[in-house]
């Protein structure tokens, strides 16, 4: 499965998991300390190929999504349920622990959020 858009993930282990499951390019945020340079790379990627944000189902992952969406509102989002991202030993949570099939399924179900309308 080839993904045209660039997938934004939190770290190197997430990139490894994505590349194991699909043929795609990634941008790593290096955790929740997302830099201005990384945000600029994401904006550029959105303009050229489109972006899918695929972060962990936890507070830092939600925070990263919110920061990116504020800076680049047109991005798409892929999600995995928390129970699909728990490490086999139960001591970790993240996209890097998901099985290939679950990653592919999440990427097939991406969506683009609607723009907020003024009330």
PDB file of N, CA and C in Angstrom:
ATOM      1  N   UNK A   1       0.854  -1.180   0.000  1.00  0.00           N
ATOM      2  CA  UNK A   1       0.000   0.000   0.000  1.00  0.00           C
ATOM      3  C   UNK A   1       0.895   1.236   0.000  1.00  0.00           C
ATOM      4  N   UNK A   2       0.748   2.086  -1.017  1.00  0.00           N
ATOM      5  CA  UNK A   2       1.546   3.304  -1.125  1.00  0.00           C
ATOM      6  C   UNK A   2       0.694   4.491  -0.694  1.00  0.00           C
ATOM      7  N   UNK A   3       1.280   5.322   0.161  1.00  0.00           N
ATOM      8  CA  UNK A   3       0.602   6.524   0.656  1.00  0.00           C
ATOM      9  C   UNK A   3       1.275   7.736   0.011  1.00  0.00           C
ATOM     10  N   UNK A   4       0.503   8.549  -0.690  1.00  0.00           N
ATOM     11  CA  UNK A   4       1.044   9.754  -1.327  1.00  0.00           C
ATOM     12  C   UNK A   4       1.416  10.820  -0.310  1.00  0.00           C
ATOM     13  N   UNK A   5       0.512  11.051   0.657  1.00  0.00           N
ATOM     14  CA  UNK A   5       0.763  12.087   1.645  1.00  0.00           C
ATOM     15  C   UNK A   5       1.951  11.716   2.524  1.00  0.00           C
ATOM     16  N   UNK A   6       2.512  12.724   3.163  1.00  0.00           N
ATOM     17  CA  UNK A   6       3.588  12.495   4.126  1.00  0.00           C
ATOM     18  C   UNK A   6       2.935  12.315   5.492  1.00  0.00           C
ATOM     19  N   UNK A   7       3.359  11.289   6.214  1.00  0.00           N
ATOM     20  CA  UNK A   7       2.768  10.967   7.510  1.00  0.00           C
ATOM     21  C   UNK A   7       3.615  11.584   8.615  1.00  0.00           C
ATOM     22  N   UNK A   8       2.970  12.353   9.484  1.00  0.00           N
ATOM     23  CA  UNK A   8       3.657  12.971  10.618  1.00  0.00           C
ATOM     24  C   UNK A   8       3.489  12.062  11.828  1.00  0.00           C
ATOM     25  N   UNK A   9       4.624  11.645  12.399  1.00  0.00           N
ATOM     26  CA  UNK A   9       4.641  10.775  13.576  1.00  0.00           C
ATOM     27  C   UNK A   9       5.490  11.426  14.661  1.00  0.00           C
ATOM     28  N   UNK A  10       5.466  10.832  15.846  1.00  0.00           N
ATOM     29  CA  UNK A  10       6.192  11.432  16.961  1.00  0.00           C
ATOM     30  C   UNK A  10       7.687  11.124  16.961  1.00  0.00           C
ATOM     31  N   UNK A  11       8.070   9.890  16.596  1.00  0.00           N
ATOM     32  CA  UNK A  11       9.481   9.548  16.701  1.00  0.00           C
ATOM     33  C   UNK A  11       9.939   8.468  15.745  1.00  0.00           C
ATOM     34  N   UNK A  12      11.211   8.098  15.894  1.00  0.00           N
ATOM     35  CA  UNK A  12      11.854   7.119  15.010  1.00  0.00           C
ATOM     36  C   UNK A  12      11.173   5.753  15.026  1.00  0.00           C
ATOM     37  N   UNK A  13      10.768   5.295  16.210  1.00  0.00           N
ATOM     38  CA  UNK A  13      10.111   3.982  16.299  1.00  0.00           C
ATOM     39  C   UNK A  13       8.783   3.979  15.557  1.00  0.00           C
ATOM     40  N   UNK A  14       8.088   5.118  15.576  1.00  0.00           N
ATOM     41  CA  UNK A  14       6.836   5.237  14.822  1.00  0.00           C
ATOM     42  C   UNK A  14       7.120   5.171  13.324  1.00  0.00           C
ATOM     43  N   UNK A  15       8.181   5.838  12.877  1.00  0.00           N
ATOM     44  CA  UNK A  15       8.560   5.777  11.463  1.00  0.00           C
ATOM     45  C   UNK A  15       8.832   4.343  11.043  1.00  0.00           C
ATOM     46  N   UNK A  16       9.553   3.602  11.874  1.00  0.00           N
ATOM     47  CA  UNK A  16       9.852   2.197  11.570  1.00  0.00           C
ATOM     48  C   UNK A  16       8.548   1.403  11.409  1.00  0.00           C
ATOM     49  N   UNK A  17       7.597   1.607  12.319  1.00  0.00           N
ATOM     50  CA  UNK A  17       6.319   0.884  12.263  1.00  0.00           C
ATOM     51  C   UNK A  17       5.530   1.259  11.002  1.00  0.00           C
ATOM     52  N   UNK A  18       5.499   2.538  10.659  1.00  0.00           N
ATOM     53  CA  UNK A  18       4.781   2.990   9.459  1.00  0.00           C
ATOM     54  C   UNK A  18       5.402   2.376   8.212  1.00  0.00           C
ATOM     55  N   UNK A  19       6.727   2.442   8.118  1.00  0.00           N
ATOM     56  CA  UNK A  19       7.407   1.920   6.928  1.00  0.00           C
ATOM     57  C   UNK A  19       7.325   0.400   6.828  1.00  0.00           C
ATOM     58  N   UNK A  20       7.136  -0.261   7.957  1.00  0.00           N
ATOM     59  CA  UNK A  20       6.934  -1.709   7.967  1.00  0.00           C
ATOM     60  C   UNK A  20       5.548  -2.052   7.395  1.00  0.00           C
ATOM     61  N   UNK A  21       4.574  -1.185   7.644  1.00  0.00           N
ATOM     62  CA  UNK A  21       3.192  -1.455   7.258  1.00  0.00           C
ATOM     63  C   UNK A  21       2.828  -0.950   5.864  1.00  0.00           C
ATOM     64  N   UNK A  22       3.400   0.197   5.468  1.00  0.00           N
ATOM     65  CA  UNK A  22       3.056   0.815   4.185  1.00  0.00           C
ATOM     66  C   UNK A  22       4.290   1.459   3.566  1.00  0.00           C
ATOM     67  N   UNK A  23       4.157   1.822   2.295  1.00  0.00           N
ATOM     68  CA  UNK A  23       5.199   2.557   1.587  1.00  0.00           C
ATOM     69  C   UNK A  23       4.861   4.035   1.728  1.00  0.00           C
ATOM     70  N   UNK A  24       5.575   4.739   2.605  1.00  0.00           N
ATOM     71  CA  UNK A  24       5.260   6.143   2.878  1.00  0.00           C
ATOM     72  C   UNK A  24       6.488   6.875   3.397  1.00  0.00           C
ATOM     73  N   UNK A  25       6.466   8.184   3.240  1.00  0.00           N
ATOM     74  CA  UNK A  25       7.479   9.050   3.823  1.00  0.00           C
ATOM     75  C   UNK A  25       6.919   9.631   5.111  1.00  0.00           C
ATOM     76  N   UNK A  26       7.809   9.935   6.065  1.00  0.00           N
ATOM     77  CA  UNK A  26       7.362  10.474   7.341  1.00  0.00           C
ATOM     78  C   UNK A  26       8.150  11.730   7.717  1.00  0.00           C
ATOM     79  N   UNK A  27       7.538  12.502   8.589  1.00  0.00           N
ATOM     80  CA  UNK A  27       8.207  13.591   9.291  1.00  0.00           C
ATOM     81  C   UNK A  27       8.027  13.284  10.770  1.00  0.00           C
ATOM     82  N   UNK A  28       9.117  13.344  11.525  1.00  0.00           N
ATOM     83  CA  UNK A  28       9.062  13.078  12.969  1.00  0.00           C
ATOM     84  C   UNK A  28       9.039  14.393  13.737  1.00  0.00           C
ATOM     85  N   UNK A  29       8.146  14.473  14.723  1.00  0.00           N
ATOM     86  CA  UNK A  29       8.064  15.687  15.540  1.00  0.00           C
ATOM     87  C   UNK A  29       9.050  15.654  16.694  1.00  0.00           C
ATOM     88  N   UNK A  30       9.629  14.492  16.959  1.00  0.00           N
ATOM     89  CA  UNK A  30      10.520  14.302  18.112  1.00  0.00           C
ATOM     90  C   UNK A  30       9.783  14.575  19.419  1.00  0.00           C
ATOM     91  N   UNK A  31       8.614  13.979  19.525  1.00  0.00           N
ATOM     92  CA  UNK A  31       7.802  14.121  20.726  1.00  0.00           C
ATOM     93  C   UNK A  31       7.009  15.410  20.717  1.00  0.00           C
ATOM     94  N   UNK A  32       6.550  15.807  21.897  1.00  0.00           N
ATOM     95  CA  UNK A  32       5.661  16.967  21.976  1.00  0.00           C
ATOM     96  C   UNK A  32       6.400  18.297  21.925  1.00  0.00           C
ATOM     97  N   UNK A  33       7.726  18.267  21.898  1.00  0.00           N
ATOM     98  CA  UNK A  33       8.508  19.499  21.780  1.00  0.00           C
ATOM     99  C   UNK A  33       8.674  19.845  20.306  1.00  0.00           C
ATOM    100  N   UNK A  34       7.563  20.047  19.627  1.00  0.00           N
ATOM    101  CA  UNK A  34       7.571  20.272  18.184  1.00  0.00           C
ATOM    102  C   UNK A  34       8.118  21.676  17.880  1.00  0.00           C
ATOM    103  N   UNK A  35       9.143  21.722  17.050  1.00  0.00           N
ATOM    104  CA  UNK A  35       9.828  22.987  16.773  1.00  0.00           C
ATOM    105  C   UNK A  35       9.152  23.758  15.645  1.00  0.00           C
ATOM    106  N   UNK A  36       9.481  25.022  15.561  1.00  0.00           N
ATOM    107  CA  UNK A  36       8.984  25.882  14.486  1.00  0.00           C
ATOM    108  C   UNK A  36       9.471  25.349  13.132  1.00  0.00           C
ATOM    109  N   UNK A  37      10.716  24.851  13.089  1.00  0.00           N
ATOM    110  CA  UNK A  37      11.267  24.303  11.843  1.00  0.00           C
ATOM    111  C   UNK A  37      10.458  23.083  11.388  1.00  0.00           C
ATOM    112  N   UNK A  38      10.091  22.231  12.340  1.00  0.00           N
ATOM    113  CA  UNK A  38       9.296  21.047  11.997  1.00  0.00           C
ATOM    114  C   UNK A  38       7.925  21.468  11.487  1.00  0.00           C
ATOM    115  N   UNK A  39       7.310  22.446  12.127  1.00  0.00           N
ATOM    116  CA  UNK A  39       6.017  22.960  11.666  1.00  0.00           C
ATOM    117  C   UNK A  39       6.122  23.531  10.256  1.00  0.00           C
ATOM    118  N   UNK A  40       7.231  24.189   9.950  1.00  0.00           N
ATOM    119  CA  UNK A  40       7.434  24.720   8.603  1.00  0.00           C
ATOM    120  C   UNK A  40       7.596  23.587   7.587  1.00  0.00           C
ATOM    121  N   UNK A  41       8.296  22.519   7.977  1.00  0.00           N
ATOM    122  CA  UNK A  41       8.434  21.347   7.091  1.00  0.00           C
ATOM    123  C   UNK A  41       7.071  20.721   6.825  1.00  0.00           C
ATOM    124  N   UNK A  42       6.236  20.646   7.875  1.00  0.00           N
ATOM    125  CA  UNK A  42       4.896  20.073   7.722  1.00  0.00           C
ATOM    126  C   UNK A  42       4.051  20.940   6.790  1.00  0.00           C
ATOM    127  N   UNK A  43       4.128  22.256   6.952  1.00  0.00           N
ATOM    128  CA  UNK A  43       3.380  23.163   6.072  1.00  0.00           C
ATOM    129  C   UNK A  43       3.834  22.987   4.624  1.00  0.00           C
ATOM    130  N   UNK A  44       5.125  22.909   4.405  1.00  0.00           N
ATOM    131  CA  UNK A  44       5.662  22.707   3.055  1.00  0.00           C
ATOM    132  C   UNK A  44       5.183  21.368   2.484  1.00  0.00           C
ATOM    133  N   UNK A  45       5.229  20.322   3.297  1.00  0.00           N
ATOM    134  CA  UNK A  45       4.772  18.995   2.855  1.00  0.00           C
ATOM    135  C   UNK A  45       3.292  19.032   2.494  1.00  0.00           C
ATOM    136  N   UNK A  46       2.497  19.762   3.271  1.00  0.00           N
ATOM    137  CA  UNK A  46       1.067  19.878   2.985  1.00  0.00           C
ATOM    138  C   UNK A  46       0.850  20.542   1.627  1.00  0.00           C
ATOM    139  N   UNK A  47       1.621  21.564   1.337  1.00  0.00           N
ATOM    140  CA  UNK A  47       1.492  22.270   0.057  1.00  0.00           C
ATOM    141  C   UNK A  47       1.894  21.389  -1.120  1.00  0.00           C
ATOM    142  N   UNK A  48       2.903  20.536  -0.929  1.00  0.00           N
ATOM    143  CA  UNK A  48       3.437  19.724  -2.030  1.00  0.00           C
ATOM    144  C   UNK A  48       2.694  18.397  -2.225  1.00  0.00           C
ATOM    145  N   UNK A  49       2.419  17.681  -1.121  1.00  0.00           N
ATOM    146  CA  UNK A  49       1.877  16.318  -1.245  1.00  0.00           C
ATOM    147  C   UNK A  49       0.690  16.016  -0.337  1.00  0.00           C
ATOM    148  N   UNK A  50       0.474  16.863   0.650  1.00  0.00           N
ATOM    149  CA  UNK A  50      -0.556  16.573   1.648  1.00  0.00           C
ATOM    150  C   UNK A  50       0.084  15.901   2.852  1.00  0.00           C
ATOM    151  N   UNK A  51      -0.589  16.008   3.996  1.00  0.00           N
ATOM    152  CA  UNK A  51      -0.058  15.482   5.253  1.00  0.00           C
ATOM    153  C   UNK A  51      -1.135  14.704   5.992  1.00  0.00           C
ATOM    154  N   UNK A  52      -0.720  13.597   6.603  1.00  0.00           N
ATOM    155  CA  UNK A  52      -1.569  12.829   7.506  1.00  0.00           C
ATOM    156  C   UNK A  52      -0.884  12.837   8.865  1.00  0.00           C
ATOM    157  N   UNK A  53      -1.563  13.335   9.885  1.00  0.00           N
ATOM    158  CA  UNK A  53      -1.028  13.331  11.247  1.00  0.00           C
ATOM    159  C   UNK A  53      -1.442  12.017  11.895  1.00  0.00           C
ATOM    160  N   UNK A  54      -0.454  11.258  12.386  1.00  0.00           N
ATOM    161  CA  UNK A  54      -0.710   9.931  12.965  1.00  0.00           C
ATOM    162  C   UNK A  54       0.090   9.826  14.259  1.00  0.00           C
ATOM    163  N   UNK A  55      -0.446  10.410  15.322  1.00  0.00           N
ATOM    164  CA  UNK A  55       0.246  10.438  16.604  1.00  0.00           C
ATOM    165  C   UNK A  55      -0.375   9.446  17.583  1.00  0.00           C
ATOM    166  N   UNK A  56       0.309   9.239  18.694  1.00  0.00           N
ATOM    167  CA  UNK A  56      -0.142   8.281  19.707  1.00  0.00           C
ATOM    168  C   UNK A  56      -1.467   8.731  20.330  1.00  0.00           C
ATOM    169  N   UNK A  57      -2.290   7.760  20.770  1.00  0.00           N
ATOM    170  CA  UNK A  57      -3.583   8.087  21.374  1.00  0.00           C
ATOM    171  C   UNK A  57      -3.456   8.425  22.864  1.00  0.00           C
ATOM    172  N   UNK A  58      -2.710   9.474  23.150  1.00  0.00           N
ATOM    173  CA  UNK A  58      -2.521   9.913  24.533  1.00  0.00           C
ATOM    174  C   UNK A  58      -2.486  11.439  24.546  1.00  0.00           C
ATOM    175  N   UNK A  59      -2.323  12.023  25.725  1.00  0.00           N
ATOM    176  CA  UNK A  59      -2.346  13.489  25.815  1.00  0.00           C
ATOM    177  C   UNK A  59      -1.274  14.155  24.951  1.00  0.00           C
ATOM    178  N   UNK A  60       0.004  13.713  25.017  1.00  0.00           N
ATOM    179  CA  UNK A  60       1.006  14.354  24.158  1.00  0.00           C
ATOM    180  C   UNK A  60       0.660  14.239  22.668  1.00  0.00           C
ATOM    181  N   UNK A  61       0.117  13.098  22.254  1.00  0.00           N
ATOM    182  CA  UNK A  61      -0.280  12.924  20.853  1.00  0.00           C
ATOM    183  C   UNK A  61      -1.383  13.888  20.456  1.00  0.00           C
ATOM    184  N   UNK A  62      -2.364  14.075  21.344  1.00  0.00           N
ATOM    185  CA  UNK A  62      -3.446  15.029  21.071  1.00  0.00           C
ATOM    186  C   UNK A  62      -2.910  16.456  21.016  1.00  0.00           C
ATOM    187  N   UNK A  63      -1.983  16.755  21.892  1.00  0.00           N
ATOM    188  CA  UNK A  63      -1.378  18.094  21.935  1.00  0.00           C
ATOM    189  C   UNK A  63      -0.638  18.380  20.627  1.00  0.00           C
ATOM    190  N   UNK A  64       0.130  17.407  20.139  1.00  0.00           N
ATOM    191  CA  UNK A  64       0.855  17.568  18.880  1.00  0.00           C
ATOM    192  C   UNK A  64      -0.136  17.804  17.735  1.00  0.00           C
ATOM    193  N   UNK A  65      -1.214  17.009  17.703  1.00  0.00           N
ATOM    194  CA  UNK A  65      -2.245  17.193  16.664  1.00  0.00           C
ATOM    195  C   UNK A  65      -2.791  18.611  16.683  1.00  0.00           C
ATOM    196  N   UNK A  66      -3.102  19.101  17.874  1.00  0.00           N
ATOM    197  CA  UNK A  66      -3.683  20.442  18.001  1.00  0.00           C
ATOM    198  C   UNK A  66      -2.716  21.517  17.521  1.00  0.00           C
ATOM    199  N   UNK A  67      -1.443  21.386  17.880  1.00  0.00           N
ATOM    200  CA  UNK A  67      -0.428  22.360  17.449  1.00  0.00           C
ATOM    201  C   UNK A  67      -0.303  22.346  15.932  1.00  0.00           C
ATOM    202  N   UNK A  68      -0.225  21.157  15.345  1.00  0.00           N
ATOM    203  CA  UNK A  68      -0.088  21.052  13.886  1.00  0.00           C
ATOM    204  C   UNK A  68      -1.326  21.601  13.197  1.00  0.00           C
ATOM    205  N   UNK A  69      -2.501  21.238  13.691  1.00  0.00           N
ATOM    206  CA  UNK A  69      -3.735  21.679  13.042  1.00  0.00           C
ATOM    207  C   UNK A  69      -3.905  23.201  13.112  1.00  0.00           C
ATOM    208  N   UNK A  70      -3.421  23.795  14.183  1.00  0.00           N
ATOM    209  CA  UNK A  70      -3.486  25.256  14.278  1.00  0.00           C
ATOM    210  C   UNK A  70      -2.563  25.904  13.250  1.00  0.00           C
ATOM    211  N   UNK A  71      -1.408  25.310  13.030  1.00  0.00           N
ATOM    212  CA  UNK A  71      -0.414  25.853  12.108  1.00  0.00           C
ATOM    213  C   UNK A  71      -0.715  25.491  10.649  1.00  0.00           C
ATOM    214  N   UNK A  72      -1.254  24.279  10.431  1.00  0.00           N
ATOM    215  CA  UNK A  72      -1.570  23.780   9.084  1.00  0.00           C
ATOM    216  C   UNK A  72      -2.985  23.170   9.137  1.00  0.00           C
ATOM    217  N   UNK A  73      -4.025  23.992   9.046  1.00  0.00           N
ATOM    218  CA  UNK A  73      -5.389  23.521   9.285  1.00  0.00           C
ATOM    219  C   UNK A  73      -5.921  22.462   8.307  1.00  0.00           C
ATOM    220  N   UNK A  74      -5.328  22.311   7.143  1.00  0.00           N
ATOM    221  CA  UNK A  74      -5.861  21.384   6.135  1.00  0.00           C
ATOM    222  C   UNK A  74      -5.381  19.943   6.276  1.00  0.00           C
ATOM    223  N   UNK A  75      -4.582  19.632   7.287  1.00  0.00           N
ATOM    224  CA  UNK A  75      -4.036  18.275   7.398  1.00  0.00           C
ATOM    225  C   UNK A  75      -5.141  17.256   7.618  1.00  0.00           C
ATOM    226  N   UNK A  76      -4.837  16.015   7.247  1.00  0.00           N
ATOM    227  CA  UNK A  76      -5.735  14.888   7.510  1.00  0.00           C
ATOM    228  C   UNK A  76      -5.256  14.208   8.785  1.00  0.00           C
ATOM    229  N   UNK A  77      -6.120  13.377   9.360  1.00  0.00           N
ATOM    230  CA  UNK A  77      -5.774  12.697  10.603  1.00  0.00           C
ATOM    231  C   UNK A  77      -6.063  11.205  10.493  1.00  0.00           C
ATOM    232  N   UNK A  78      -5.146  10.398  11.036  1.00  0.00           N
ATOM    233  CA  UNK A  78      -5.359   8.961  11.178  1.00  0.00           C
ATOM    234  C   UNK A  78      -5.318   8.656  12.674  1.00  0.00           C
ATOM    235  N   UNK A  79      -6.184   7.751  13.105  1.00  0.00           N
ATOM    236  CA  UNK A  79      -6.290   7.426  14.526  1.00  0.00           C
ATOM    237  C   UNK A  79      -6.237   5.922  14.757  1.00  0.00           C
ATOM    238  N   UNK A  80      -5.688   5.532  15.896  1.00  0.00           N
ATOM    239  CA  UNK A  80      -5.757   4.152  16.378  1.00  0.00           C
ATOM    240  C   UNK A  80      -6.288   4.187  17.802  1.00  0.00           C
ATOM    241  N   UNK A  81      -7.140   3.229  18.130  1.00  0.00           N
ATOM    242  CA  UNK A  81      -7.649   3.117  19.492  1.00  0.00           C
ATOM    243  C   UNK A  81      -6.499   2.766  20.434  1.00  0.00           C
ATOM    244  N   UNK A  82      -6.585   3.266  21.648  1.00  0.00           N
ATOM    245  CA  UNK A  82      -5.534   3.060  22.642  1.00  0.00           C
ATOM    246  C   UNK A  82      -5.186   1.577  22.800  1.00  0.00           C
ATOM    247  N   UNK A  83      -6.205   0.714  22.832  1.00  0.00           N
ATOM    248  CA  UNK A  83      -5.942  -0.719  23.048  1.00  0.00           C
ATOM    249  C   UNK A  83      -5.155  -1.370  21.909  1.00  0.00           C
ATOM    250  N   UNK A  84      -5.138  -0.740  20.737  1.00  0.00           N
ATOM    251  CA  UNK A  84      -4.367  -1.275  19.603  1.00  0.00           C
ATOM    252  C   UNK A  84      -2.924  -0.792  19.599  1.00  0.00           C
ATOM    253  N   UNK A  85      -2.571   0.056  20.569  1.00  0.00           N
ATOM    254  CA  UNK A  85      -1.225   0.631  20.594  1.00  0.00           C
ATOM    255  C   UNK A  85      -0.457   0.295  21.873  1.00  0.00           C
ATOM    256  N   UNK A  86      -0.955  -0.649  22.638  1.00  0.00           N
ATOM    257  CA  UNK A  86      -0.291  -1.021  23.890  1.00  0.00           C
ATOM    258  C   UNK A  86       0.792  -2.060  23.601  1.00  0.00           C
ATOM    259  N   UNK A  87       1.951  -1.872  24.188  1.00  0.00           N
ATOM    260  CA  UNK A  87       3.063  -2.806  24.004  1.00  0.00           C
ATOM    261  C   UNK A  87       2.686  -4.185  24.521  1.00  0.00           C
ATOM    262  N   UNK A  88       3.286  -5.206  23.935  1.00  0.00           N
ATOM    263  CA  UNK A  88       3.001  -6.584  24.352  1.00  0.00           C
ATOM    264  C   UNK A  88       3.267  -6.811  25.839  1.00  0.00           C
ATOM    265  N   UNK A  89       4.266  -6.129  26.388  1.00  0.00           N
ATOM    266  CA  UNK A  89       4.568  -6.283  27.815  1.00  0.00           C
ATOM    267  C   UNK A  89       3.688  -5.375  28.683  1.00  0.00           C
ATOM    268  N   UNK A  90       2.812  -4.586  28.029  1.00  0.00           N
ATOM    269  CA  UNK A  90       1.894  -3.718  28.755  1.00  0.00           C
ATOM    270  C   UNK A  90       2.526  -2.460  29.311  1.00  0.00           C
ATOM    271  N   UNK A  91       3.809  -2.220  29.003  1.00  0.00           N
ATOM    272  CA  UNK A  91       4.525  -1.091  29.607  1.00  0.00           C
ATOM    273  C   UNK A  91       4.798   0.045  28.640  1.00  0.00           C
ATOM    274  N   UNK A  92       4.027   0.144  27.594  1.00  0.00           N
ATOM    275  CA  UNK A  92       4.228   1.235  26.654  1.00  0.00           C
ATOM    276  C   UNK A  92       2.991   1.430  25.818  1.00  0.00           C
ATOM    277  N   UNK A  93       2.882   2.605  25.243  1.00  0.00           N
ATOM    278  CA  UNK A  93       1.741   2.931  24.406  1.00  0.00           C
ATOM    279  C   UNK A  93       2.246   3.753  23.236  1.00  0.00           C
ATOM    280  N   UNK A  94       1.855   3.391  22.039  1.00  0.00           N
ATOM    281  CA  UNK A  94       2.263   4.187  20.889  1.00  0.00           C
ATOM    282  C   UNK A  94       2.062   3.473  19.573  1.00  0.00           C
ATOM    283  N   UNK A  95       2.099   4.241  18.515  1.00  0.00           N
ATOM    284  CA  UNK A  95       1.951   3.721  17.154  1.00  0.00           C
ATOM    285  C   UNK A  95       2.987   2.624  16.896  1.00  0.00           C
ATOM    286  N   UNK A  96       4.169   2.757  17.486  1.00  0.00           N
ATOM    287  CA  UNK A  96       5.235   1.771  17.251  1.00  0.00           C
ATOM    288  C   UNK A  96       4.859   0.371  17.726  1.00  0.00           C
ATOM    289  N   UNK A  97       3.857   0.251  18.586  1.00  0.00           N
ATOM    290  CA  UNK A  97       3.436  -1.061  19.099  1.00  0.00           C
ATOM    291  C   UNK A  97       2.269  -1.660  18.316  1.00  0.00           C
ATOM    292  N   UNK A  98       1.701  -0.914  17.391  1.00  0.00           N
ATOM    293  CA  UNK A  98       0.549  -1.386  16.622  1.00  0.00           C
ATOM    294  C   UNK A  98       0.980  -2.398  15.566  1.00  0.00           C
ATOM    295  N   UNK A  99       0.081  -3.308  15.248  1.00  0.00           N
ATOM    296  CA  UNK A  99       0.383  -4.283  14.188  1.00  0.00           C
ATOM    297  C   UNK A  99       0.183  -3.619  12.823  1.00  0.00           C
ATOM    298  N   UNK A 100       0.827  -4.178  11.816  1.00  0.00           N
ATOM    299  CA  UNK A 100       0.789  -3.606  10.466  1.00  0.00           C
ATOM    300  C   UNK A 100      -0.642  -3.449   9.959  1.00  0.00           C
ATOM    301  N   UNK A 101      -1.463  -4.455  10.173  1.00  0.00           N
ATOM    302  CA  UNK A 101      -2.850  -4.425   9.689  1.00  0.00           C
ATOM    303  C   UNK A 101      -3.626  -3.254  10.298  1.00  0.00           C
ATOM    304  N   UNK A 102      -3.443  -3.014  11.597  1.00  0.00           N
ATOM    305  CA  UNK A 102      -4.138  -1.904  12.255  1.00  0.00           C
ATOM    306  C   UNK A 102      -3.658  -0.554  11.716  1.00  0.00           C
ATOM    307  N   UNK A 103      -2.374  -0.445  11.434  1.00  0.00           N
ATOM    308  CA  UNK A 103      -1.838   0.796  10.862  1.00  0.00           C
ATOM    309  C   UNK A 103      -2.447   1.039   9.487  1.00  0.00           C
ATOM    310  N   UNK A 104      -2.473   0.009   8.645  1.00  0.00           N
ATOM    311  CA  UNK A 104      -3.061   0.152   7.306  1.00  0.00           C
ATOM    312  C   UNK A 104      -4.541   0.528   7.394  1.00  0.00           C
ATOM    313  N   UNK A 105      -5.262  -0.111   8.299  1.00  0.00           N
ATOM    314  CA  UNK A 105      -6.689   0.175   8.479  1.00  0.00           C
ATOM    315  C   UNK A 105      -6.904   1.639   8.890  1.00  0.00           C
ATOM    316  N   UNK A 106      -6.091   2.126   9.823  1.00  0.00           N
ATOM    317  CA  UNK A 106      -6.218   3.517  10.276  1.00  0.00           C
ATOM    318  C   UNK A 106      -5.932   4.492   9.131  1.00  0.00           C
ATOM    319  N   UNK A 107      -4.945   4.173   8.311  1.00  0.00           N
ATOM    320  CA  UNK A 107      -4.601   5.054   7.200  1.00  0.00           C
ATOM    321  C   UNK A 107      -5.671   5.029   6.111  1.00  0.00           C
ATOM    322  N   UNK A 108      -6.365   3.924   5.965  1.00  0.00           N
ATOM    323  CA  UNK A 108      -7.460   3.845   4.993  1.00  0.00           C
ATOM    324  C   UNK A 108      -8.676   4.654   5.449  1.00  0.00           C
ATOM    325  N   UNK A 109      -8.785   4.896   6.741  1.00  0.00           N
ATOM    326  CA  UNK A 109      -9.957   5.576   7.306  1.00  0.00           C
ATOM    327  C   UNK A 109      -9.690   7.048   7.625  1.00  0.00           C
ATOM    328  N   UNK A 110      -8.674   7.646   7.023  1.00  0.00           N
ATOM    329  CA  UNK A 110      -8.340   9.037   7.343  1.00  0.00           C
ATOM    330  C   UNK A 110      -9.466   9.972   6.939  1.00  0.00           C
ATOM    331  N   UNK A 111      -9.467  11.122   7.578  1.00  0.00           N
ATOM    332  CA  UNK A 111     -10.446  12.132   7.210  1.00  0.00           C
ATOM    333  C   UNK A 111      -9.839  13.514   7.329  1.00  0.00           C
ATOM    334  N   UNK A 112     -10.450  14.451   6.648  1.00  0.00           N
ATOM    335  CA  UNK A 112     -10.059  15.843   6.739  1.00  0.00           C
ATOM    336  C   UNK A 112     -11.117  16.551   7.574  1.00  0.00           C
ATOM    337  N   UNK A 113     -10.710  17.188   8.683  1.00  0.00           N
ATOM    338  CA  UNK A 113     -11.705  17.840   9.519  1.00  0.00           C
ATOM    339  C   UNK A 113     -12.348  19.027   8.803  1.00  0.00           C
ATOM    340  N   UNK A 114     -13.614  19.254   9.103  1.00  0.00           N
ATOM    341  CA  UNK A 114     -14.313  20.402   8.530  1.00  0.00           C
ATOM    342  C   UNK A 114     -13.804  21.673   9.167  1.00  0.00           C
ATOM    343  N   UNK A 115     -13.847  22.726   8.385  1.00  0.00           N
ATOM    344  CA  UNK A 115     -13.461  24.022   8.944  1.00  0.00           C
ATOM    345  C   UNK A 115     -14.526  24.456   9.931  1.00  0.00           C
ATOM    346  N   UNK A 116     -14.083  25.101  10.990  1.00  0.00           N
ATOM    347  CA  UNK A 116     -15.021  25.604  11.986  1.00  0.00           C
ATOM    348  C   UNK A 116     -15.789  26.772  11.386  1.00  0.00           C
ATOM    349  N   UNK A 117     -17.087  26.762  11.631  1.00  0.00           N
ATOM    350  CA  UNK A 117     -17.917  27.854  11.134  1.00  0.00           C
ATOM    351  C   UNK A 117     -18.281  28.782  12.277  1.00  0.00           C
ATOM    352  N   UNK A 118     -18.358  30.042  11.962  1.00  0.00           N
ATOM    353  CA  UNK A 118     -18.721  31.028  12.988  1.00  0.00           C
ATOM    354  C   UNK A 118     -20.206  30.897  13.302  1.00  0.00           C
ATOM    355  N   UNK A 119     -20.527  31.067  14.547  1.00  0.00           N
ATOM    356  CA  UNK A 119     -21.939  30.979  14.960  1.00  0.00           C
ATOM    357  C   UNK A 119     -22.460  32.318  15.338  1.00  0.00           C
TER     358      UNK A 119
END
